[in-house]
């Protein structure tokens, strides 16, 4: 019971945070994705 209350509180806090930080995280995620793609491409060029 106690754990579920904590979980619900954390969940609502996280939702509020993610709504305010969503653009920031989206940009960060895009950059990470681009970097991974470039790294993968470079590795493929080196291997084959």
PDB file of N, CA and C in Angstrom:
ATOM      1  N   UNK A   1       0.840  -1.204   0.000  1.00  0.00           N
ATOM      2  CA  UNK A   1       0.000   0.000   0.000  1.00  0.00           C
ATOM      3  C   UNK A   1       0.871   1.248   0.000  1.00  0.00           C
ATOM      4  N   UNK A   2       1.821   1.272   0.920  1.00  0.00           N
ATOM      5  CA  UNK A   2       2.705   2.430   1.041  1.00  0.00           C
ATOM      6  C   UNK A   2       3.514   2.643  -0.245  1.00  0.00           C
ATOM      7  N   UNK A   3       3.999   1.532  -0.819  1.00  0.00           N
ATOM      8  CA  UNK A   3       4.792   1.615  -2.043  1.00  0.00           C
ATOM      9  C   UNK A   3       3.969   2.163  -3.201  1.00  0.00           C
ATOM     10  N   UNK A   4       2.716   1.778  -3.272  1.00  0.00           N
ATOM     11  CA  UNK A   4       1.873   2.252  -4.375  1.00  0.00           C
ATOM     12  C   UNK A   4       1.611   3.749  -4.261  1.00  0.00           C
ATOM     13  N   UNK A   5       1.498   4.243  -3.023  1.00  0.00           N
ATOM     14  CA  UNK A   5       1.320   5.688  -2.822  1.00  0.00           C
ATOM     15  C   UNK A   5       2.558   6.436  -3.304  1.00  0.00           C
ATOM     16  N   UNK A   6       3.735   5.925  -2.938  1.00  0.00           N
ATOM     17  CA  UNK A   6       4.985   6.530  -3.385  1.00  0.00           C
ATOM     18  C   UNK A   6       5.073   6.508  -4.901  1.00  0.00           C
ATOM     19  N   UNK A   7       4.720   5.355  -5.479  1.00  0.00           N
ATOM     20  CA  UNK A   7       4.785   5.203  -6.920  1.00  0.00           C
ATOM     21  C   UNK A   7       3.875   6.203  -7.623  1.00  0.00           C
ATOM     22  N   UNK A   8       2.643   6.347  -7.112  1.00  0.00           N
ATOM     23  CA  UNK A   8       1.700   7.277  -7.715  1.00  0.00           C
ATOM     24  C   UNK A   8       2.205   8.712  -7.606  1.00  0.00           C
ATOM     25  N   UNK A   9       2.773   9.071  -6.460  1.00  0.00           N
ATOM     26  CA  UNK A   9       3.320  10.406  -6.279  1.00  0.00           C
ATOM     27  C   UNK A   9       4.453  10.663  -7.255  1.00  0.00           C
ATOM     28  N   UNK A  10       5.378   9.709  -7.346  1.00  0.00           N
ATOM     29  CA  UNK A  10       6.496   9.841  -8.276  1.00  0.00           C
ATOM     30  C   UNK A  10       5.997   9.931  -9.713  1.00  0.00           C
ATOM     31  N   UNK A  11       4.999   9.146 -10.015  1.00  0.00           N
ATOM     32  CA  UNK A  11       4.446   9.130 -11.359  1.00  0.00           C
ATOM     33  C   UNK A  11       3.871  10.492 -11.742  1.00  0.00           C
ATOM     34  N   UNK A  12       3.105  11.092 -10.846  1.00  0.00           N
ATOM     35  CA  UNK A  12       2.509  12.393 -11.145  1.00  0.00           C
ATOM     36  C   UNK A  12       3.586  13.480 -11.240  1.00  0.00           C
ATOM     37  N   UNK A  13       4.585  13.392 -10.353  1.00  0.00           N
ATOM     38  CA  UNK A  13       5.698  14.345 -10.418  1.00  0.00           C
ATOM     39  C   UNK A  13       6.432  14.207 -11.739  1.00  0.00           C
ATOM     40  N   UNK A  14       6.700  12.964 -12.133  1.00  0.00           N
ATOM     41  CA  UNK A  14       7.413  12.716 -13.376  1.00  0.00           C
ATOM     42  C   UNK A  14       6.615  13.207 -14.584  1.00  0.00           C
ATOM     43  N   UNK A  15       5.284  13.008 -14.549  1.00  0.00           N
ATOM     44  CA  UNK A  15       4.442  13.471 -15.654  1.00  0.00           C
ATOM     45  C   UNK A  15       4.502  14.982 -15.778  1.00  0.00           C
ATOM     46  N   UNK A  16       4.438  15.678 -14.629  1.00  0.00           N
ATOM     47  CA  UNK A  16       4.524  17.132 -14.638  1.00  0.00           C
ATOM     48  C   UNK A  16       5.870  17.577 -15.195  1.00  0.00           C
ATOM     49  N   UNK A  17       6.931  16.935 -14.739  1.00  0.00           N
ATOM     50  CA  UNK A  17       8.272  17.275 -15.201  1.00  0.00           C
ATOM     51  C   UNK A  17       8.424  17.003 -16.693  1.00  0.00           C
ATOM     52  N   UNK A  18       7.941  15.859 -17.132  1.00  0.00           N
ATOM     53  CA  UNK A  18       8.114  15.493 -18.533  1.00  0.00           C
ATOM     54  C   UNK A  18       7.316  16.424 -19.447  1.00  0.00           C
ATOM     55  N   UNK A  19       6.186  16.943 -18.958  1.00  0.00           N
ATOM     56  CA  UNK A  19       5.427  17.886 -19.765  1.00  0.00           C
ATOM     57  C   UNK A  19       6.175  19.197 -19.931  1.00  0.00           C
ATOM     58  N   UNK A  20       6.861  19.635 -18.849  1.00  0.00           N
ATOM     59  CA  UNK A  20       7.583  20.900 -18.933  1.00  0.00           C
ATOM     60  C   UNK A  20       8.930  20.737 -19.634  1.00  0.00           C
ATOM     61  N   UNK A  21       9.507  19.521 -19.549  1.00  0.00           N
ATOM     62  CA  UNK A  21      10.825  19.281 -20.133  1.00  0.00           C
ATOM     63  C   UNK A  21      10.765  18.545 -21.470  1.00  0.00           C
ATOM     64  N   UNK A  22       9.556  18.295 -21.966  1.00  0.00           N
ATOM     65  CA  UNK A  22       9.409  17.483 -23.162  1.00  0.00           C
ATOM     66  C   UNK A  22      10.216  17.992 -24.355  1.00  0.00           C
ATOM     67  N   UNK A  23      10.185  19.294 -24.665  1.00  0.00           N
ATOM     68  CA  UNK A  23      10.980  19.772 -25.806  1.00  0.00           C
ATOM     69  C   UNK A  23      12.470  19.487 -25.615  1.00  0.00           C
ATOM     70  N   UNK A  24      12.950  19.731 -24.398  1.00  0.00           N
ATOM     71  CA  UNK A  24      14.364  19.498 -24.080  1.00  0.00           C
ATOM     72  C   UNK A  24      14.740  18.041 -24.293  1.00  0.00           C
ATOM     73  N   UNK A  25      13.908  17.131 -23.774  1.00  0.00           N
ATOM     74  CA  UNK A  25      14.187  15.706 -23.916  1.00  0.00           C
ATOM     75  C   UNK A  25      14.083  15.266 -25.369  1.00  0.00           C
ATOM     76  N   UNK A  26      13.138  15.845 -26.104  1.00  0.00           N
ATOM     77  CA  UNK A  26      12.981  15.490 -27.510  1.00  0.00           C
ATOM     78  C   UNK A  26      14.236  15.874 -28.288  1.00  0.00           C
ATOM     79  N   UNK A  27      14.756  17.065 -28.015  1.00  0.00           N
ATOM     80  CA  UNK A  27      15.973  17.521 -28.690  1.00  0.00           C
ATOM     81  C   UNK A  27      17.148  16.622 -28.327  1.00  0.00           C
ATOM     82  N   UNK A  28      17.268  16.317 -27.015  1.00  0.00           N
ATOM     83  CA  UNK A  28      18.352  15.463 -26.548  1.00  0.00           C
ATOM     84  C   UNK A  28      18.265  14.078 -27.200  1.00  0.00           C
ATOM     85  N   UNK A  29      17.057  13.543 -27.261  1.00  0.00           N
ATOM     86  CA  UNK A  29      16.837  12.224 -27.840  1.00  0.00           C
ATOM     87  C   UNK A  29      17.201  12.217 -29.325  1.00  0.00           C
ATOM     88  N   UNK A  30      16.805  13.284 -30.030  1.00  0.00           N
ATOM     89  CA  UNK A  30      17.119  13.386 -31.463  1.00  0.00           C
ATOM     90  C   UNK A  30      18.627  13.413 -31.671  1.00  0.00           C
ATOM     91  N   UNK A  31      19.323  14.210 -30.857  1.00  0.00           N
ATOM     92  CA  UNK A  31      20.774  14.286 -30.980  1.00  0.00           C
ATOM     93  C   UNK A  31      21.418  12.926 -30.721  1.00  0.00           C
ATOM     94  N   UNK A  32      20.935  12.226 -29.693  1.00  0.00           N
ATOM     95  CA  UNK A  32      21.482  10.915 -29.370  1.00  0.00           C
ATOM     96  C   UNK A  32      21.253   9.941 -30.527  1.00  0.00           C
ATOM     97  N   UNK A  33      20.063  10.001 -31.107  1.00  0.00           N
ATOM     98  CA  UNK A  33      19.715   9.129 -32.220  1.00  0.00           C
ATOM     99  C   UNK A  33      20.609   9.405 -33.424  1.00  0.00           C
ATOM    100  N   UNK A  34      20.819  10.686 -33.716  1.00  0.00           N
ATOM    101  CA  UNK A  34      21.667  11.066 -34.841  1.00  0.00           C
ATOM    102  C   UNK A  34      23.099  10.579 -34.619  1.00  0.00           C
ATOM    103  N   UNK A  35      23.598  10.782 -33.377  1.00  0.00           N
ATOM    104  CA  UNK A  35      24.961  10.340 -33.074  1.00  0.00           C
ATOM    105  C   UNK A  35      25.098   8.829 -33.223  1.00  0.00           C
ATOM    106  N   UNK A  36      24.094   8.078 -32.735  1.00  0.00           N
ATOM    107  CA  UNK A  36      24.131   6.624 -32.856  1.00  0.00           C
ATOM    108  C   UNK A  36      24.119   6.195 -34.312  1.00  0.00           C
ATOM    109  N   UNK A  37      23.300   6.871 -35.115  1.00  0.00           N
ATOM    110  CA  UNK A  37      23.201   6.537 -36.529  1.00  0.00           C
ATOM    111  C   UNK A  37      24.528   6.772 -37.229  1.00  0.00           C
ATOM    112  N   UNK A  38      25.163   7.915 -36.940  1.00  0.00           N
ATOM    113  CA  UNK A  38      26.450   8.234 -37.556  1.00  0.00           C
ATOM    114  C   UNK A  38      27.514   7.221 -37.129  1.00  0.00           C
ATOM    115  N   UNK A  39      27.547   6.900 -35.827  1.00  0.00           N
ATOM    116  CA  UNK A  39      28.513   5.921 -35.328  1.00  0.00           C
ATOM    117  C   UNK A  39      28.311   4.569 -36.003  1.00  0.00           C
ATOM    118  N   UNK A  40      27.049   4.157 -36.112  1.00  0.00           N
ATOM    119  CA  UNK A  40      26.723   2.880 -36.739  1.00  0.00           C
ATOM    120  C   UNK A  40      27.180   2.864 -38.193  1.00  0.00           C
ATOM    121  N   UNK A  41      26.920   3.969 -38.909  1.00  0.00           N
ATOM    122  CA  UNK A  41      27.297   4.092 -40.319  1.00  0.00           C
ATOM    123  C   UNK A  41      28.816   4.004 -40.480  1.00  0.00           C
ATOM    124  N   UNK A  42      29.545   4.721 -39.612  1.00  0.00           N
ATOM    125  CA  UNK A  42      31.003   4.712 -39.660  1.00  0.00           C
ATOM    126  C   UNK A  42      31.546   3.311 -39.388  1.00  0.00           C
ATOM    127  N   UNK A  43      30.965   2.638 -38.387  1.00  0.00           N
ATOM    128  CA  UNK A  43      31.398   1.279 -38.073  1.00  0.00           C
ATOM    129  C   UNK A  43      31.159   0.342 -39.247  1.00  0.00           C
ATOM    130  N   UNK A  44      30.010   0.489 -39.903  1.00  0.00           N
ATOM    131  CA  UNK A  44      29.704  -0.360 -41.044  1.00  0.00           C
ATOM    132  C   UNK A  44      30.692  -0.109 -42.179  1.00  0.00           C
ATOM    133  N   UNK A  45      31.058   1.169 -42.387  1.00  0.00           N
ATOM    134  CA  UNK A  45      32.021   1.504 -43.435  1.00  0.00           C
ATOM    135  C   UNK A  45      33.382   0.877 -43.125  1.00  0.00           C
ATOM    136  N   UNK A  46      33.756   0.878 -41.843  1.00  0.00           N
ATOM    137  CA  UNK A  46      35.049   0.335 -41.449  1.00  0.00           C
ATOM    138  C   UNK A  46      35.071  -1.189 -41.565  1.00  0.00           C
ATOM    139  N   UNK A  47      33.950  -1.822 -41.220  1.00  0.00           N
ATOM    140  CA  UNK A  47      33.914  -3.278 -41.195  1.00  0.00           C
ATOM    141  C   UNK A  47      33.822  -3.876 -42.595  1.00  0.00           C
ATOM    142  N   UNK A  48      33.045  -3.223 -43.468  1.00  0.00           N
ATOM    143  CA  UNK A  48      32.814  -3.799 -44.796  1.00  0.00           C
ATOM    144  C   UNK A  48      33.432  -2.966 -45.904  1.00  0.00           C
TER     145      UNK A  48
END
